[in-house]
N, C-alpha and C. Protein backbone atom coordinates (compact mmCIF):
# COMPACT_ATOMS: atom_id res chain seq x y z
N MET A 1 309.36 165.64 -131.48
CA MET A 1 309.89 164.82 -132.56
C MET A 1 310.07 165.69 -133.80
N ALA A 2 311.13 165.43 -134.53
CA ALA A 2 311.42 166.18 -135.75
C ALA A 2 310.98 165.38 -136.97
N TYR A 3 310.63 166.10 -138.01
CA TYR A 3 310.23 165.52 -139.29
C TYR A 3 311.06 166.18 -140.38
N PHE A 4 311.38 165.43 -141.41
CA PHE A 4 312.30 165.91 -142.43
C PHE A 4 311.73 165.75 -143.83
N VAL A 5 312.04 166.73 -144.66
CA VAL A 5 311.78 166.66 -146.09
C VAL A 5 313.15 166.57 -146.73
N TYR A 6 313.30 165.64 -147.67
CA TYR A 6 314.62 165.42 -148.25
C TYR A 6 314.55 165.28 -149.77
N ILE A 7 315.69 165.50 -150.37
CA ILE A 7 315.86 165.24 -151.80
C ILE A 7 317.10 164.37 -151.93
N ILE A 8 316.95 163.27 -152.65
CA ILE A 8 318.10 162.44 -152.96
C ILE A 8 318.30 162.46 -154.47
N GLN A 9 319.52 162.18 -154.88
CA GLN A 9 319.85 162.20 -156.30
C GLN A 9 320.48 160.86 -156.67
N SER A 10 320.02 160.29 -157.77
CA SER A 10 320.58 159.02 -158.24
C SER A 10 321.96 159.27 -158.84
N GLU A 11 322.91 158.44 -158.45
CA GLU A 11 324.24 158.54 -159.02
C GLU A 11 324.31 157.84 -160.37
N VAL A 12 323.23 157.17 -160.77
CA VAL A 12 323.16 156.50 -162.06
C VAL A 12 322.80 157.49 -163.16
N ASP A 13 321.73 158.27 -162.94
CA ASP A 13 321.29 159.18 -164.00
C ASP A 13 320.96 160.60 -163.51
N ASN A 14 321.34 160.91 -162.27
CA ASN A 14 321.16 162.25 -161.69
C ASN A 14 319.71 162.67 -161.47
N THR A 15 318.75 161.74 -161.56
CA THR A 15 317.37 162.11 -161.28
C THR A 15 317.19 162.35 -159.78
N TYR A 16 316.15 163.11 -159.46
CA TYR A 16 315.86 163.43 -158.07
C TYR A 16 314.66 162.63 -157.57
N TYR A 17 314.68 162.36 -156.28
CA TYR A 17 313.53 161.79 -155.59
C TYR A 17 313.30 162.64 -154.36
N LYS A 18 312.05 163.04 -154.14
CA LYS A 18 311.71 163.90 -153.00
C LYS A 18 310.83 163.11 -152.04
N GLY A 19 311.10 163.27 -150.75
CA GLY A 19 310.31 162.53 -149.78
C GLY A 19 310.27 163.17 -148.41
N PHE A 20 309.62 162.46 -147.50
CA PHE A 20 309.40 162.91 -146.13
C PHE A 20 309.72 161.73 -145.21
N THR A 21 310.33 162.00 -144.06
CA THR A 21 310.68 160.93 -143.13
C THR A 21 310.88 161.47 -141.72
N GLU A 22 310.86 160.57 -140.76
CA GLU A 22 311.22 160.92 -139.39
C GLU A 22 312.67 160.57 -139.11
N ASN A 23 313.26 159.74 -139.98
CA ASN A 23 314.63 159.27 -139.77
C ASN A 23 315.39 159.28 -141.10
N PRO A 24 316.04 160.39 -141.44
CA PRO A 24 316.70 160.50 -142.75
C PRO A 24 317.76 159.42 -142.99
N GLU A 25 318.55 159.13 -142.00
CA GLU A 25 319.62 158.14 -142.18
C GLU A 25 319.04 156.78 -142.56
N ASN A 26 318.02 156.35 -141.85
CA ASN A 26 317.40 155.07 -142.14
C ASN A 26 316.70 155.08 -143.49
N ARG A 27 316.06 156.19 -143.82
CA ARG A 27 315.34 156.27 -145.09
C ARG A 27 316.30 156.20 -146.27
N ILE A 28 317.45 156.86 -146.18
CA ILE A 28 318.44 156.79 -147.26
C ILE A 28 318.94 155.36 -147.39
N TRP A 29 319.17 154.70 -146.26
CA TRP A 29 319.59 153.30 -146.27
C TRP A 29 318.56 152.45 -147.02
N GLN A 30 317.28 152.68 -146.75
CA GLN A 30 316.22 151.93 -147.42
C GLN A 30 316.26 152.16 -148.93
N HIS A 31 316.44 153.40 -149.34
CA HIS A 31 316.52 153.69 -150.78
C HIS A 31 317.71 152.98 -151.41
N ASN A 32 318.83 152.93 -150.73
CA ASN A 32 320.04 152.33 -151.29
C ASN A 32 320.12 150.82 -151.14
N ASN A 33 319.16 150.22 -150.48
CA ASN A 33 319.16 148.77 -150.30
C ASN A 33 317.90 148.12 -150.87
N GLY A 34 317.29 148.77 -151.84
CA GLY A 34 316.17 148.19 -152.56
C GLY A 34 314.88 148.06 -151.79
N LYS A 35 314.72 148.78 -150.70
CA LYS A 35 313.52 148.68 -149.87
C LYS A 35 312.40 149.60 -150.35
N SER A 36 312.69 150.41 -151.34
CA SER A 36 311.69 151.30 -151.93
C SER A 36 311.58 150.94 -153.41
N ARG A 37 310.42 150.47 -153.82
CA ARG A 37 310.25 149.99 -155.20
C ARG A 37 310.61 151.06 -156.23
N TYR A 38 310.15 152.28 -156.01
CA TYR A 38 310.37 153.34 -157.00
C TYR A 38 311.85 153.65 -157.20
N THR A 39 312.62 153.66 -156.13
CA THR A 39 314.03 154.07 -156.24
C THR A 39 314.99 152.89 -156.43
N SER A 40 314.50 151.67 -156.35
CA SER A 40 315.39 150.51 -156.39
C SER A 40 316.14 150.34 -157.71
N LYS A 41 315.62 150.87 -158.77
CA LYS A 41 316.26 150.70 -160.08
C LYS A 41 317.37 151.72 -160.37
N LYS A 42 317.52 152.70 -159.49
CA LYS A 42 318.51 153.76 -159.75
C LYS A 42 319.52 153.90 -158.62
N ILE A 43 319.78 152.81 -157.92
CA ILE A 43 320.76 152.78 -156.82
C ILE A 43 322.15 152.98 -157.41
N PRO A 44 323.03 153.72 -156.79
CA PRO A 44 322.96 154.33 -155.47
C PRO A 44 322.39 155.75 -155.51
N TRP A 45 321.89 156.17 -154.34
CA TRP A 45 321.34 157.50 -154.13
C TRP A 45 322.18 158.25 -153.11
N LYS A 46 322.26 159.57 -153.29
CA LYS A 46 322.96 160.39 -152.29
C LYS A 46 322.02 161.50 -151.83
N LEU A 47 322.12 161.84 -150.56
CA LEU A 47 321.32 162.92 -150.00
C LEU A 47 321.90 164.25 -150.47
N VAL A 48 321.05 165.08 -151.07
CA VAL A 48 321.52 166.38 -151.56
C VAL A 48 320.81 167.56 -150.91
N TYR A 49 319.71 167.29 -150.17
CA TYR A 49 318.96 168.38 -149.56
C TYR A 49 318.14 167.85 -148.39
N LEU A 50 318.10 168.64 -147.30
CA LEU A 50 317.37 168.23 -146.12
C LEU A 50 316.83 169.45 -145.38
N GLU A 51 315.54 169.40 -145.04
CA GLU A 51 314.90 170.44 -144.23
C GLU A 51 314.26 169.78 -143.03
N GLU A 52 314.29 170.45 -141.89
CA GLU A 52 313.71 169.90 -140.66
C GLU A 52 312.48 170.71 -140.23
N TYR A 53 311.45 170.00 -139.78
CA TYR A 53 310.22 170.63 -139.31
C TYR A 53 309.83 170.04 -137.96
N GLN A 54 309.11 170.83 -137.18
CA GLN A 54 308.69 170.39 -135.85
C GLN A 54 307.39 169.58 -135.88
N THR A 55 306.58 169.77 -136.92
CA THR A 55 305.34 169.01 -137.00
C THR A 55 305.27 168.23 -138.31
N LYS A 56 304.57 167.11 -138.24
CA LYS A 56 304.38 166.27 -139.42
C LYS A 56 303.62 167.04 -140.50
N ARG A 57 302.63 167.81 -140.08
CA ARG A 57 301.82 168.58 -141.01
C ARG A 57 302.67 169.55 -141.82
N GLU A 58 303.55 170.29 -141.15
CA GLU A 58 304.43 171.24 -141.84
C GLU A 58 305.30 170.51 -142.87
N ALA A 59 305.86 169.39 -142.46
CA ALA A 59 306.74 168.63 -143.35
C ALA A 59 305.98 168.10 -144.56
N LEU A 60 304.79 167.59 -144.35
CA LEU A 60 304.01 167.07 -145.47
C LEU A 60 303.59 168.17 -146.44
N ILE A 61 303.26 169.33 -145.92
CA ILE A 61 302.93 170.47 -146.79
C ILE A 61 304.14 170.85 -147.64
N ARG A 62 305.30 170.91 -147.02
CA ARG A 62 306.52 171.27 -147.75
C ARG A 62 306.89 170.19 -148.77
N GLU A 63 306.72 168.92 -148.40
CA GLU A 63 307.02 167.84 -149.34
C GLU A 63 306.16 167.99 -150.59
N LYS A 64 304.87 168.23 -150.43
CA LYS A 64 303.98 168.42 -151.58
C LYS A 64 304.44 169.58 -152.44
N GLN A 65 304.86 170.67 -151.79
CA GLN A 65 305.34 171.84 -152.52
C GLN A 65 306.59 171.50 -153.33
N ILE A 66 307.55 170.85 -152.70
CA ILE A 66 308.80 170.50 -153.38
C ILE A 66 308.55 169.53 -154.53
N LYS A 67 307.61 168.63 -154.38
CA LYS A 67 307.32 167.67 -155.45
C LYS A 67 306.78 168.35 -156.71
N ARG A 68 306.26 169.55 -156.58
CA ARG A 68 305.75 170.29 -157.75
C ARG A 68 306.85 171.08 -158.47
N PHE A 69 308.00 171.24 -157.85
CA PHE A 69 309.07 172.04 -158.45
C PHE A 69 309.70 171.31 -159.64
N ASN A 70 310.13 172.10 -160.64
CA ASN A 70 310.84 171.49 -161.76
C ASN A 70 312.31 171.29 -161.40
N SER A 71 313.02 170.57 -162.24
CA SER A 71 314.42 170.21 -161.96
C SER A 71 315.32 171.43 -161.78
N GLN A 72 315.11 172.45 -162.58
CA GLN A 72 315.94 173.64 -162.47
C GLN A 72 315.77 174.30 -161.10
N TYR A 73 314.54 174.41 -160.65
CA TYR A 73 314.30 175.01 -159.34
C TYR A 73 314.91 174.15 -158.24
N LEU A 74 314.80 172.84 -158.37
CA LEU A 74 315.41 171.94 -157.38
C LEU A 74 316.92 172.14 -157.31
N LYS A 75 317.55 172.27 -158.47
CA LYS A 75 319.00 172.51 -158.49
C LYS A 75 319.35 173.79 -157.75
N GLU A 76 318.58 174.84 -157.98
CA GLU A 76 318.82 176.12 -157.30
C GLU A 76 318.62 175.99 -155.79
N LEU A 77 317.60 175.27 -155.39
CA LEU A 77 317.32 175.04 -153.97
C LEU A 77 318.47 174.29 -153.31
N ILE A 78 318.97 173.28 -153.98
CA ILE A 78 320.08 172.47 -153.47
C ILE A 78 321.34 173.32 -153.36
N GLU A 79 321.62 174.11 -154.39
CA GLU A 79 322.81 174.96 -154.37
C GLU A 79 322.74 176.00 -153.26
N LYS A 80 321.56 176.56 -153.04
CA LYS A 80 321.38 177.55 -151.98
C LYS A 80 321.71 176.97 -150.61
N GLN A 81 321.30 175.74 -150.39
CA GLN A 81 321.56 175.11 -149.09
C GLN A 81 323.05 174.83 -148.90
N LYS A 82 323.77 174.61 -149.98
CA LYS A 82 325.22 174.35 -149.89
C LYS A 82 325.98 175.59 -149.42
N ASP A 83 325.45 176.77 -149.77
CA ASP A 83 326.15 178.03 -149.44
C ASP A 83 326.16 178.34 -147.99
């Protein structure tokens, strides 16, 4: 089974939300349909970054790491993945 770390960006104010999931498509749907209290006020969200891991532990470690990054570093990370 694969596990994913993702970053979504609000199209309302460009803020980022970082998370972990087993099903990115479903999780983005939840964010955009008010199923997540924290993100429900800034709908719509778009997926801007995704990493895949083979173990839940690896993904959770990376999620914690990404959550500590500042906005500038997140922008650079997102841009790097686009290249």
